[in-house]
Amino acid sequence: MPSVDPLSHCNRSARLTDVQAGEEGVVERLDLEADERFRLMRLGLVPGRRVNLVKRGSRFLLATAGARLAIDRALAAHVYIIRSQDIA
């Protein structure tokens, strides 16, 4: 039986790679293997946390919880946020 993504009905989330510098939102999910997901979570990038995309390029610079974090484009493509303007 094929798996069903329980969030597939929700179109509010965006990949971090689709977000513009200066936008902010809340981390919805980290669609990564466990080791990469836990590494980002240890660095402060956790579901439910507000983030601001400071700069984008080959590396994405994020501000979250009073800290800054740089991740590469490959990881950023698996980070989903709900933009602030989409939060009701």
Protein backbone atom coordinates (compact mmCIF):
# COMPACT_ATOMS: atom_id res chain seq x y z
CA MET A 1 0.00 0.00 0.00
CA PRO A 2 1.51 3.42 -0.92
CA SER A 3 2.23 5.78 1.92
CA VAL A 4 0.18 8.93 2.23
CA ASP A 5 1.66 12.19 3.41
CA PRO A 6 -0.74 13.50 6.08
CA LEU A 7 0.28 17.05 5.14
CA SER A 8 -0.28 16.66 1.39
CA HIS A 9 -3.56 18.56 1.62
CA CYS A 10 -1.79 21.56 3.13
CA ASN A 11 -0.46 23.94 0.49
CA ARG A 12 0.71 26.56 2.97
CA SER A 13 4.20 25.16 3.40
CA ALA A 14 7.13 26.11 1.18
CA ARG A 15 10.59 24.69 0.74
CA LEU A 16 13.23 26.99 2.14
CA THR A 17 14.72 27.13 -1.37
CA ASP A 18 11.47 28.79 -2.55
CA VAL A 19 11.58 31.52 0.11
CA GLN A 20 13.10 34.95 -0.53
CA ALA A 21 15.73 36.61 1.66
CA GLY A 22 14.01 38.67 4.34
CA GLU A 23 10.99 36.38 4.61
CA GLU A 24 10.21 34.69 7.87
CA GLY A 25 8.02 31.86 8.98
CA VAL A 26 7.71 28.82 11.19
CA VAL A 27 9.47 25.53 10.51
CA GLU A 28 6.81 22.98 9.59
CA ARG A 29 8.97 19.92 9.00
CA LEU A 30 12.43 18.65 8.12
CA ASP A 31 12.03 16.09 5.34
CA LEU A 32 15.41 14.43 5.92
CA GLU A 33 16.89 11.16 7.08
CA ALA A 34 17.10 10.89 10.86
CA ASP A 35 20.81 11.73 11.19
CA GLU A 36 20.54 14.95 9.15
CA ARG A 37 17.24 15.90 10.81
CA PHE A 38 18.67 15.49 14.31
CA ARG A 39 21.82 17.42 13.36
CA LEU A 40 19.72 20.41 12.27
CA MET A 41 17.53 20.10 15.34
CA ARG A 42 20.60 20.20 17.61
CA LEU A 43 21.59 23.42 15.84
CA GLY A 44 18.19 24.94 16.66
CA LEU A 45 16.22 24.31 13.46
CA VAL A 46 13.18 22.52 14.90
CA PRO A 47 9.53 22.27 13.85
CA GLY A 48 7.48 25.04 15.42
CA ARG A 49 10.40 27.46 15.66
CA ARG A 50 10.26 30.85 13.95
CA VAL A 51 13.02 31.45 11.39
CA ASN A 52 14.11 34.35 9.20
CA LEU A 53 15.94 33.75 5.93
CA VAL A 54 18.72 36.32 6.10
CA LYS A 55 20.60 35.40 2.92
CA ARG A 56 20.29 32.82 0.17
CA GLY A 57 22.77 31.49 -2.36
CA SER A 58 24.92 28.38 -2.30
CA ARG A 59 24.41 28.59 1.46
CA PHE A 60 21.26 29.72 3.22
CA LEU A 61 21.79 31.91 6.28
CA LEU A 62 18.98 31.62 8.83
CA ALA A 63 18.30 33.54 12.02
CA THR A 64 16.45 31.56 14.68
CA ALA A 65 16.15 31.77 18.45
CA GLY A 66 18.85 34.43 18.74
CA ALA A 67 21.37 32.45 16.67
CA ARG A 68 22.44 32.27 13.04
CA LEU A 69 22.78 29.07 11.12
CA ALA A 70 24.11 28.41 7.60
CA ILE A 71 22.99 25.35 5.65
CA ASP A 72 23.72 24.34 2.08
CA ARG A 73 21.15 24.38 -0.71
CA ALA A 74 20.76 20.57 -0.67
CA LEU A 75 19.62 20.64 2.98
CA ALA A 76 17.52 23.78 2.49
CA ALA A 77 15.51 21.95 -0.18
CA HIS A 78 14.25 19.58 2.53
CA VAL A 79 13.28 22.22 5.09
CA TYR A 80 9.62 23.28 4.89
CA ILE A 81 8.28 26.43 6.50
CA ILE A 82 4.93 28.16 6.72
CA ARG A 83 5.51 31.78 5.79
CA SER A 84 4.39 34.36 8.35
CA GLN A 85 1.83 35.86 5.96
CA ASP A 86 0.23 32.38 5.61
CA ILE A 87 -0.22 31.86 9.35
CA ALA A 88 -3.81 32.58 10.33
